[in-house]
Amino acid sequence: MPDATTSDRDRLFAEASAELGFAPDGEIKIGGRYTSLVRDGRTIYLSGQIPRIGDRVVVTGCVGADVTLADAQRAAQVCTLRALALLQRELGSLASLKAVLRLTVYVHCSADFTQHSEVADGASDLLWRVLGPAGVHTRTSVGVCQLPKNAAVELDLIALAATDPES
């Protein structure tokens, strides 16, 4: 697959969003007294994103019990689209993103499930597709016994903007 050039990122994001039924300009709800994004200079920290489209969590349940690997990967992709939408809103365009530094993927899974990395590949592959080399990141994938709203997957990430808004 060819690298995403900086100018292609917003278009590629829109295409990926359309494929998964996600509206990039839709409301991104949070579930408490926190913010979805904090920026410190060029560094941007995103709160956990679950696979919610509108008011609906699109993949719920326990991976390895009642959720397939393919559905869990799709959940990771929807979480990633939500994260990219937040970054796009903050930066004005994904062209202003220098890099995704770190990705953490939480998988609500059965005790015997061992394909956490394969679930996280759903997110990593989408970041590469949309951002090209800027989407390459460090990553941790973790199995957990439950997630908010019974979501199958949740992820958070740290990104680096191309410029500091204070400069």
N, C-alpha and C. Protein backbone atom coordinates (compact mmCIF):
# COMPACT_ATOMS: atom_id res chain seq x y z
N MET A 1 0.85 -1.18 0.00
CA MET A 1 0.00 0.00 0.00
C MET A 1 0.89 1.24 0.00
N PRO A 2 0.62 2.25 -0.83
CA PRO A 2 1.47 3.43 -0.88
C PRO A 2 1.37 4.26 0.39
N ASP A 3 2.44 5.00 0.66
CA ASP A 3 2.45 5.89 1.81
C ASP A 3 1.45 7.01 1.61
N ALA A 4 0.83 7.41 2.70
CA ALA A 4 -0.07 8.57 2.66
C ALA A 4 0.79 9.82 2.68
N THR A 5 0.65 10.67 1.67
CA THR A 5 1.35 11.94 1.72
C THR A 5 0.59 12.85 2.67
N THR A 6 1.27 13.87 3.16
CA THR A 6 0.65 14.78 4.10
C THR A 6 -0.65 15.35 3.56
N SER A 7 -0.68 15.72 2.29
CA SER A 7 -1.87 16.33 1.71
C SER A 7 -3.02 15.33 1.52
N ASP A 8 -2.73 14.05 1.50
CA ASP A 8 -3.76 13.03 1.31
C ASP A 8 -4.46 12.61 2.61
N ARG A 9 -3.91 12.98 3.75
CA ARG A 9 -4.38 12.42 5.02
C ARG A 9 -5.86 12.67 5.29
N ASP A 10 -6.32 13.90 5.10
CA ASP A 10 -7.73 14.19 5.38
C ASP A 10 -8.65 13.41 4.44
N ARG A 11 -8.26 13.28 3.18
CA ARG A 11 -9.05 12.51 2.22
C ARG A 11 -9.08 11.03 2.61
N LEU A 12 -7.94 10.48 2.95
CA LEU A 12 -7.87 9.07 3.35
C LEU A 12 -8.67 8.82 4.62
N PHE A 13 -8.63 9.78 5.53
CA PHE A 13 -9.43 9.68 6.76
C PHE A 13 -10.92 9.68 6.43
N ALA A 14 -11.34 10.56 5.54
CA ALA A 14 -12.75 10.61 5.14
C ALA A 14 -13.18 9.31 4.48
N GLU A 15 -12.32 8.74 3.64
CA GLU A 15 -12.64 7.47 2.97
C GLU A 15 -12.78 6.33 3.99
N ALA A 16 -11.84 6.24 4.92
CA ALA A 16 -11.90 5.19 5.94
C ALA A 16 -13.13 5.36 6.82
N SER A 17 -13.46 6.60 7.13
CA SER A 17 -14.65 6.87 7.95
C SER A 17 -15.91 6.42 7.24
N ALA A 18 -16.01 6.74 5.95
CA ALA A 18 -17.19 6.34 5.18
C ALA A 18 -17.33 4.83 5.12
N GLU A 19 -16.22 4.12 4.97
CA GLU A 19 -16.26 2.66 4.90
C GLU A 19 -16.82 2.04 6.17
N LEU A 20 -16.54 2.68 7.31
CA LEU A 20 -16.97 2.12 8.60
C LEU A 20 -18.23 2.80 9.15
N GLY A 21 -18.81 3.72 8.38
CA GLY A 21 -20.04 4.38 8.81
C GLY A 21 -19.85 5.40 9.91
N PHE A 22 -18.65 5.96 10.00
CA PHE A 22 -18.33 6.96 11.03
C PHE A 22 -18.41 8.35 10.42
N ALA A 23 -19.06 9.27 11.11
CA ALA A 23 -19.15 10.66 10.64
C ALA A 23 -18.08 11.49 11.35
N PRO A 24 -17.00 11.87 10.66
CA PRO A 24 -15.90 12.58 11.31
C PRO A 24 -16.31 13.90 11.96
N ASP A 25 -17.38 14.51 11.46
CA ASP A 25 -17.81 15.78 12.02
C ASP A 25 -18.92 15.60 13.06
N GLY A 26 -19.26 14.37 13.40
CA GLY A 26 -20.28 14.11 14.41
C GLY A 26 -19.77 14.37 15.82
N GLU A 27 -20.71 14.38 16.74
CA GLU A 27 -20.35 14.60 18.15
C GLU A 27 -19.55 13.42 18.67
N ILE A 28 -18.51 13.72 19.44
CA ILE A 28 -17.72 12.68 20.10
C ILE A 28 -17.96 12.86 21.59
N LYS A 29 -18.84 12.02 22.12
CA LYS A 29 -19.25 12.14 23.52
C LYS A 29 -18.16 11.61 24.44
N ILE A 30 -18.09 12.24 25.61
CA ILE A 30 -17.23 11.73 26.68
C ILE A 30 -18.14 11.32 27.83
N GLY A 31 -17.62 10.52 28.72
CA GLY A 31 -18.47 9.93 29.74
C GLY A 31 -18.28 10.43 31.15
N GLY A 32 -17.76 11.62 31.33
CA GLY A 32 -17.56 12.10 32.70
C GLY A 32 -16.93 13.47 32.74
N ARG A 33 -16.36 13.78 33.87
CA ARG A 33 -15.75 15.10 34.09
C ARG A 33 -14.27 15.08 33.71
N TYR A 34 -14.05 14.99 32.44
CA TYR A 34 -12.70 15.03 31.89
C TYR A 34 -12.80 15.58 30.49
N THR A 35 -11.68 15.78 29.85
CA THR A 35 -11.67 16.25 28.48
C THR A 35 -11.12 15.15 27.58
N SER A 36 -11.50 15.19 26.34
CA SER A 36 -11.05 14.15 25.42
C SER A 36 -9.63 14.38 24.91
N LEU A 37 -9.10 15.59 25.12
CA LEU A 37 -7.79 15.92 24.56
C LEU A 37 -7.12 16.99 25.42
N VAL A 38 -5.83 16.81 25.66
CA VAL A 38 -5.01 17.84 26.31
C VAL A 38 -3.78 18.04 25.45
N ARG A 39 -3.46 19.30 25.20
CA ARG A 39 -2.28 19.62 24.39
C ARG A 39 -1.28 20.39 25.23
N ASP A 40 -0.03 19.96 25.16
CA ASP A 40 1.07 20.64 25.83
C ASP A 40 2.13 20.91 24.76
N GLY A 41 2.10 22.11 24.21
CA GLY A 41 3.01 22.43 23.11
C GLY A 41 2.68 21.60 21.89
N ARG A 42 3.62 20.79 21.46
CA ARG A 42 3.40 19.94 20.29
C ARG A 42 2.81 18.58 20.66
N THR A 43 2.85 18.22 21.93
CA THR A 43 2.39 16.91 22.37
C THR A 43 0.89 16.94 22.67
N ILE A 44 0.17 15.97 22.12
CA ILE A 44 -1.28 15.88 22.28
C ILE A 44 -1.61 14.53 22.91
N TYR A 45 -2.32 14.58 24.03
CA TYR A 45 -2.73 13.38 24.75
C TYR A 45 -4.24 13.19 24.55
N LEU A 46 -4.64 12.02 24.10
CA LEU A 46 -6.06 11.72 23.91
C LEU A 46 -6.55 10.75 24.97
N SER A 47 -7.74 11.03 25.49
CA SER A 47 -8.40 10.12 26.42
C SER A 47 -8.82 8.86 25.68
N GLY A 48 -9.18 7.85 26.43
CA GLY A 48 -9.61 6.60 25.84
C GLY A 48 -10.82 6.76 24.94
N GLN A 49 -10.79 6.07 23.81
CA GLN A 49 -11.87 6.08 22.84
C GLN A 49 -12.44 4.68 22.71
N ILE A 50 -13.76 4.57 22.87
CA ILE A 50 -14.43 3.29 22.66
C ILE A 50 -15.07 3.30 21.27
N PRO A 51 -15.49 2.16 20.75
CA PRO A 51 -16.02 2.11 19.38
C PRO A 51 -17.47 2.60 19.30
N ARG A 52 -17.64 3.89 19.53
CA ARG A 52 -18.98 4.49 19.53
C ARG A 52 -19.16 5.29 18.24
N ILE A 53 -20.29 5.06 17.59
CA ILE A 53 -20.70 5.88 16.46
C ILE A 53 -22.03 6.49 16.87
N GLY A 54 -22.06 7.81 16.97
CA GLY A 54 -23.25 8.48 17.49
C GLY A 54 -23.45 8.09 18.94
N ASP A 55 -24.64 7.58 19.25
CA ASP A 55 -24.95 7.15 20.62
C ASP A 55 -24.74 5.66 20.84
N ARG A 56 -24.29 4.96 19.84
CA ARG A 56 -24.23 3.49 19.90
C ARG A 56 -22.80 2.98 19.95
N VAL A 57 -22.52 2.14 20.93
CA VAL A 57 -21.25 1.40 20.95
C VAL A 57 -21.44 0.24 19.98
N VAL A 58 -20.66 0.23 18.90
CA VAL A 58 -20.94 -0.68 17.79
C VAL A 58 -20.41 -2.10 17.98
N VAL A 59 -19.45 -2.28 18.86
CA VAL A 59 -18.98 -3.64 19.16
C VAL A 59 -18.87 -3.77 20.67
N THR A 60 -19.76 -4.59 21.24
CA THR A 60 -19.76 -4.81 22.69
C THR A 60 -19.55 -6.29 22.97
N GLY A 61 -19.09 -6.55 24.17
CA GLY A 61 -18.94 -7.93 24.61
C GLY A 61 -17.50 -8.32 24.83
N CYS A 62 -17.31 -9.59 25.03
CA CYS A 62 -16.03 -10.16 25.41
C CYS A 62 -15.36 -10.84 24.22
N VAL A 63 -14.20 -10.34 23.83
CA VAL A 63 -13.47 -10.91 22.70
C VAL A 63 -12.96 -12.30 23.12
N GLY A 64 -13.16 -13.25 22.25
CA GLY A 64 -12.79 -14.62 22.57
C GLY A 64 -13.94 -15.42 23.15
N ALA A 65 -15.02 -14.73 23.52
CA ALA A 65 -16.22 -15.41 24.01
C ALA A 65 -17.38 -15.14 23.06
N ASP A 66 -17.84 -13.88 23.02
CA ASP A 66 -18.97 -13.55 22.14
C ASP A 66 -18.63 -12.50 21.09
N VAL A 67 -17.37 -12.13 20.97
CA VAL A 67 -16.91 -11.18 19.94
C VAL A 67 -15.76 -11.85 19.18
N THR A 68 -15.83 -11.84 17.86
CA THR A 68 -14.78 -12.45 17.03
C THR A 68 -13.57 -11.53 16.92
N LEU A 69 -12.46 -12.09 16.51
CA LEU A 69 -11.26 -11.30 16.26
C LEU A 69 -11.54 -10.23 15.21
N ALA A 70 -12.23 -10.59 14.14
CA ALA A 70 -12.53 -9.62 13.08
C ALA A 70 -13.38 -8.46 13.60
N ASP A 71 -14.37 -8.76 14.43
CA ASP A 71 -15.19 -7.69 15.00
C ASP A 71 -14.38 -6.82 15.97
N ALA A 72 -13.48 -7.43 16.71
CA ALA A 72 -12.63 -6.67 17.63
C ALA A 72 -11.69 -5.75 16.84
N GLN A 73 -11.18 -6.22 15.71
CA GLN A 73 -10.34 -5.37 14.86
C GLN A 73 -11.14 -4.20 14.30
N ARG A 74 -12.39 -4.46 13.93
CA ARG A 74 -13.27 -3.38 13.46
C ARG A 74 -13.52 -2.38 14.58
N ALA A 75 -13.70 -2.87 15.80
CA ALA A 75 -13.87 -1.98 16.96
C ALA A 75 -12.64 -1.10 17.13
N ALA A 76 -11.46 -1.69 17.00
CA ALA A 76 -10.22 -0.91 17.12
C ALA A 76 -10.14 0.15 16.03
N GLN A 77 -10.64 -0.17 14.84
CA GLN A 77 -10.64 0.82 13.76
C GLN A 77 -11.58 1.98 14.06
N VAL A 78 -12.75 1.69 14.60
CA VAL A 78 -13.69 2.77 14.95
C VAL A 78 -13.09 3.64 16.05
N CYS A 79 -12.47 3.03 17.05
CA CYS A 79 -11.79 3.80 18.10
C CYS A 79 -10.74 4.72 17.48
N THR A 80 -10.00 4.20 16.52
CA THR A 80 -8.95 4.98 15.85
C THR A 80 -9.54 6.14 15.07
N LEU A 81 -10.65 5.92 14.39
CA LEU A 81 -11.31 7.01 13.66
C LEU A 81 -11.72 8.12 14.61
N ARG A 82 -12.23 7.76 15.78
CA ARG A 82 -12.60 8.78 16.78
C ARG A 82 -11.36 9.57 17.21
N ALA A 83 -10.26 8.88 17.43
CA ALA A 83 -9.02 9.56 17.82
C ALA A 83 -8.54 10.49 16.71
N LEU A 84 -8.58 10.01 15.47
CA LEU A 84 -8.16 10.85 14.35
C LEU A 84 -9.07 12.06 14.18
N ALA A 85 -10.36 11.89 14.43
CA ALA A 85 -11.29 13.02 14.35
C ALA A 85 -10.94 14.08 15.38
N LEU A 86 -10.59 13.65 16.58
CA LEU A 86 -10.19 14.61 17.62
C LEU A 86 -8.91 15.34 17.22
N LEU A 87 -7.95 14.61 16.68
CA LEU A 87 -6.71 15.24 16.23
C LEU A 87 -6.97 16.22 15.09
N GLN A 88 -7.81 15.83 14.16
CA GLN A 88 -8.13 16.71 13.03
C GLN A 88 -8.79 17.99 13.52
N ARG A 89 -9.69 17.88 14.47
CA ARG A 89 -10.36 19.07 15.02
C ARG A 89 -9.37 19.97 15.74
N GLU A 90 -8.46 19.38 16.47
CA GLU A 90 -7.46 20.18 17.21
C GLU A 90 -6.50 20.88 16.27
N LEU A 91 -6.06 20.19 15.24
CA LEU A 91 -5.01 20.70 14.36
C LEU A 91 -5.55 21.41 13.12
N GLY A 92 -6.83 21.25 12.82
CA GLY A 92 -7.40 21.83 11.61
C GLY A 92 -7.28 20.91 10.42
N SER A 93 -6.27 20.08 10.41
CA SER A 93 -6.03 19.12 9.34
C SER A 93 -5.04 18.07 9.84
N LEU A 94 -5.22 16.85 9.39
CA LEU A 94 -4.25 15.81 9.75
C LEU A 94 -2.90 16.04 9.09
N ALA A 95 -2.84 16.96 8.13
CA ALA A 95 -1.55 17.34 7.53
C ALA A 95 -0.65 18.01 8.57
N SER A 96 -1.23 18.53 9.64
CA SER A 96 -0.46 19.20 10.69
C SER A 96 0.01 18.25 11.78
N LEU A 97 -0.17 16.96 11.57
CA LEU A 97 0.27 15.95 12.53
C LEU A 97 1.64 15.44 12.11
N LYS A 98 2.61 15.53 13.01
CA LYS A 98 3.95 15.03 12.70
C LYS A 98 4.05 13.52 12.92
N ALA A 99 3.46 13.03 14.03
CA ALA A 99 3.61 11.61 14.35
C ALA A 99 2.62 11.17 15.41
N VAL A 100 2.28 9.89 15.36
CA VAL A 100 1.63 9.22 16.48
C VAL A 100 2.77 8.59 17.26
N LEU A 101 2.92 8.98 18.51
CA LEU A 101 4.05 8.51 19.31
C LEU A 101 3.76 7.19 20.02
N ARG A 102 2.56 7.08 20.57
CA ARG A 102 2.24 5.91 21.40
C ARG A 102 0.77 5.56 21.27
N LEU A 103 0.49 4.28 21.21
CA LEU A 103 -0.87 3.76 21.15
C LEU A 103 -1.00 2.67 22.21
N THR A 104 -2.06 2.76 23.01
CA THR A 104 -2.37 1.69 23.95
C THR A 104 -3.76 1.18 23.63
N VAL A 105 -3.88 -0.13 23.44
CA VAL A 105 -5.14 -0.76 23.08
C VAL A 105 -5.53 -1.72 24.21
N TYR A 106 -6.74 -1.52 24.73
CA TYR A 106 -7.29 -2.35 25.79
C TYR A 106 -8.35 -3.26 25.17
N VAL A 107 -8.23 -4.54 25.40
CA VAL A 107 -9.14 -5.53 24.82
C VAL A 107 -9.92 -6.21 25.94
N HIS A 108 -11.24 -6.04 25.93
CA HIS A 108 -12.12 -6.74 26.87
C HIS A 108 -12.21 -8.18 26.38
N CYS A 109 -11.54 -9.09 27.10
CA CYS A 109 -11.40 -10.44 26.54
C CYS A 109 -11.52 -11.52 27.60
N SER A 110 -11.72 -12.73 27.10
CA SER A 110 -11.78 -13.90 27.97
C SER A 110 -10.37 -14.21 28.48
N ALA A 111 -10.32 -14.96 29.56
CA ALA A 111 -9.03 -15.27 30.20
C ALA A 111 -8.09 -16.04 29.29
N ASP A 112 -8.62 -16.81 28.36
CA ASP A 112 -7.76 -17.62 27.49
C ASP A 112 -7.47 -16.96 26.14
N PHE A 113 -7.92 -15.73 25.93
CA PHE A 113 -7.68 -15.03 24.67
C PHE A 113 -6.23 -14.55 24.61
N THR A 114 -5.55 -14.79 23.50
CA THR A 114 -4.13 -14.44 23.39
C THR A 114 -3.80 -13.58 22.18
N GLN A 115 -4.80 -13.10 21.45
CA GLN A 115 -4.55 -12.37 20.21
C GLN A 115 -4.71 -10.85 20.37
N HIS A 116 -4.26 -10.34 21.50
CA HIS A 116 -4.36 -8.90 21.77
C HIS A 116 -3.66 -8.08 20.69
N SER A 117 -2.48 -8.51 20.29
CA SER A 117 -1.73 -7.77 19.26
C SER A 117 -2.46 -7.75 17.94
N GLU A 118 -3.13 -8.85 17.60
CA GLU A 118 -3.89 -8.88 16.35
C GLU A 118 -5.07 -7.92 16.39
N VAL A 119 -5.70 -7.78 17.55
CA VAL A 119 -6.77 -6.78 17.70
C VAL A 119 -6.18 -5.39 17.48
N ALA A 120 -5.06 -5.11 18.13
CA ALA A 120 -4.42 -3.80 18.02
C ALA A 120 -3.97 -3.51 16.59
N ASP A 121 -3.68 -4.55 15.82
CA ASP A 121 -3.30 -4.35 14.41
C ASP A 121 -4.40 -3.62 13.64
N GLY A 122 -5.66 -3.80 14.03
CA GLY A 122 -6.74 -3.06 13.39
C GLY A 122 -6.52 -1.56 13.48
N ALA A 123 -6.08 -1.10 14.64
CA ALA A 123 -5.79 0.32 14.84
C ALA A 123 -4.50 0.72 14.13
N SER A 124 -3.46 -0.06 14.30
CA SER A 124 -2.16 0.27 13.70
C SER A 124 -2.24 0.32 12.18
N ASP A 125 -2.93 -0.64 11.59
CA ASP A 125 -3.06 -0.66 10.13
C ASP A 125 -3.81 0.56 9.62
N LEU A 126 -4.83 0.99 10.34
CA LEU A 126 -5.59 2.17 9.93
C LEU A 126 -4.74 3.44 10.07
N LEU A 127 -3.96 3.53 11.14
CA LEU A 127 -3.08 4.70 11.29
C LEU A 127 -2.08 4.76 10.13
N TRP A 128 -1.54 3.62 9.73
CA TRP A 128 -0.61 3.59 8.59
C TRP A 128 -1.33 3.99 7.31
N ARG A 129 -2.53 3.45 7.11
CA ARG A 129 -3.28 3.75 5.88
C ARG A 129 -3.56 5.24 5.74
N VAL A 130 -3.93 5.90 6.82
CA VAL A 130 -4.30 7.32 6.77
C VAL A 130 -3.08 8.23 6.86
N LEU A 131 -2.13 7.90 7.71
CA LEU A 131 -1.02 8.81 8.01
C LEU A 131 0.31 8.41 7.38
N GLY A 132 0.40 7.21 6.83
CA GLY A 132 1.68 6.76 6.30
C GLY A 132 2.70 6.66 7.41
N PRO A 133 3.96 6.99 7.15
CA PRO A 133 5.02 6.85 8.15
C PRO A 133 4.74 7.61 9.45
N ALA A 134 3.98 8.69 9.40
CA ALA A 134 3.64 9.43 10.63
C ALA A 134 2.74 8.61 11.55
N GLY A 135 2.13 7.56 11.02
CA GLY A 135 1.27 6.71 11.82
C GLY A 135 1.98 5.57 12.51
N VAL A 136 3.28 5.41 12.26
CA VAL A 136 4.06 4.36 12.92
C VAL A 136 4.30 4.79 14.36
N HIS A 137 4.10 3.90 15.31
CA HIS A 137 4.07 4.28 16.72
C HIS A 137 4.61 3.15 17.60
N THR A 138 4.87 3.49 18.85
CA THR A 138 5.09 2.45 19.85
C THR A 138 3.71 1.98 20.29
N ARG A 139 3.62 0.76 20.82
CA ARG A 139 2.30 0.23 21.12
C ARG A 139 2.34 -0.78 22.26
N THR A 140 1.28 -0.74 23.04
CA THR A 140 1.02 -1.78 24.03
C THR A 140 -0.41 -2.24 23.85
N SER A 141 -0.63 -3.54 23.92
CA SER A 141 -1.99 -4.08 23.90
C SER A 141 -2.18 -4.91 25.16
N VAL A 142 -3.32 -4.68 25.82
CA VAL A 142 -3.56 -5.25 27.14
C VAL A 142 -4.94 -5.90 27.18
N GLY A 143 -5.03 -7.08 27.76
CA GLY A 143 -6.32 -7.71 27.98
C GLY A 143 -6.87 -7.30 29.33
N VAL A 144 -8.16 -6.94 29.36
CA VAL A 144 -8.82 -6.51 30.59
C VAL A 144 -10.14 -7.25 30.76
N CYS A 145 -10.66 -7.25 31.99
CA CYS A 145 -11.89 -8.00 32.26
C CYS A 145 -13.16 -7.22 31.94
N GLN A 146 -13.09 -5.91 31.74
CA GLN A 146 -14.27 -5.11 31.40
C GLN A 146 -13.83 -3.74 30.92
N LEU A 147 -14.67 -3.10 30.10
CA LEU A 147 -14.44 -1.74 29.63
C LEU A 147 -15.74 -0.94 29.74
N PRO A 148 -15.66 0.39 29.71
CA PRO A 148 -16.87 1.20 29.80
C PRO A 148 -17.90 0.82 28.73
N LYS A 149 -19.17 0.84 29.12
CA LYS A 149 -20.29 0.56 28.20
C LYS A 149 -20.22 -0.84 27.60
N ASN A 150 -19.47 -1.74 28.23
CA ASN A 150 -19.28 -3.11 27.74
C ASN A 150 -18.58 -3.14 26.38
N ALA A 151 -17.83 -2.08 26.07
CA ALA A 151 -17.10 -2.01 24.80
C ALA A 151 -16.11 -3.17 24.71
N ALA A 152 -15.92 -3.66 23.50
CA ALA A 152 -14.97 -4.75 23.27
C ALA A 152 -13.53 -4.24 23.26
N VAL A 153 -13.34 -2.97 22.87
CA VAL A 153 -12.00 -2.39 22.73
C VAL A 153 -12.06 -0.93 23.17
N GLU A 154 -10.96 -0.46 23.73
CA GLU A 154 -10.75 0.97 24.00
C GLU A 154 -9.30 1.27 23.69
N LEU A 155 -9.03 2.46 23.19
CA LEU A 155 -7.64 2.84 22.97
C LEU A 155 -7.41 4.30 23.33
N ASP A 156 -6.18 4.59 23.66
CA ASP A 156 -5.76 5.98 23.83
C ASP A 156 -4.45 6.15 23.08
N LEU A 157 -4.11 7.40 22.81
CA LEU A 157 -2.85 7.63 22.10
C LEU A 157 -2.25 8.97 22.45
N ILE A 158 -0.98 9.08 22.15
CA ILE A 158 -0.22 10.32 22.29
C ILE A 158 0.32 10.65 20.90
N ALA A 159 0.13 11.90 20.49
CA ALA A 159 0.56 12.33 19.16
C ALA A 159 1.43 13.58 19.27
N LEU A 160 2.10 13.89 18.17
CA LEU A 160 2.98 15.05 18.10
C LEU A 160 2.55 15.92 16.93
N ALA A 161 2.22 17.17 17.22
CA ALA A 161 1.87 18.13 16.17
C ALA A 161 3.13 18.60 15.47
N ALA A 162 2.98 19.04 14.24
CA ALA A 162 4.13 19.53 13.47
C ALA A 162 4.66 20.84 14.05
N THR A 163 3.77 21.65 14.62
CA THR A 163 4.19 22.94 15.18
C THR A 163 3.58 23.14 16.55
N ASP A 164 4.20 24.02 17.32
CA ASP A 164 3.72 24.42 18.64
C ASP A 164 2.82 25.64 18.46
N PRO A 165 1.59 25.61 18.97
CA PRO A 165 0.69 26.76 18.78
C PRO A 165 1.19 28.02 19.47
N GLU A 166 2.10 27.88 20.43
CA GLU A 166 2.63 29.03 21.16
C GLU A 166 3.78 29.72 20.43
N SER A 167 4.32 29.08 19.39
CA SER A 167 5.48 29.67 18.69
C SER A 167 5.04 30.68 17.66
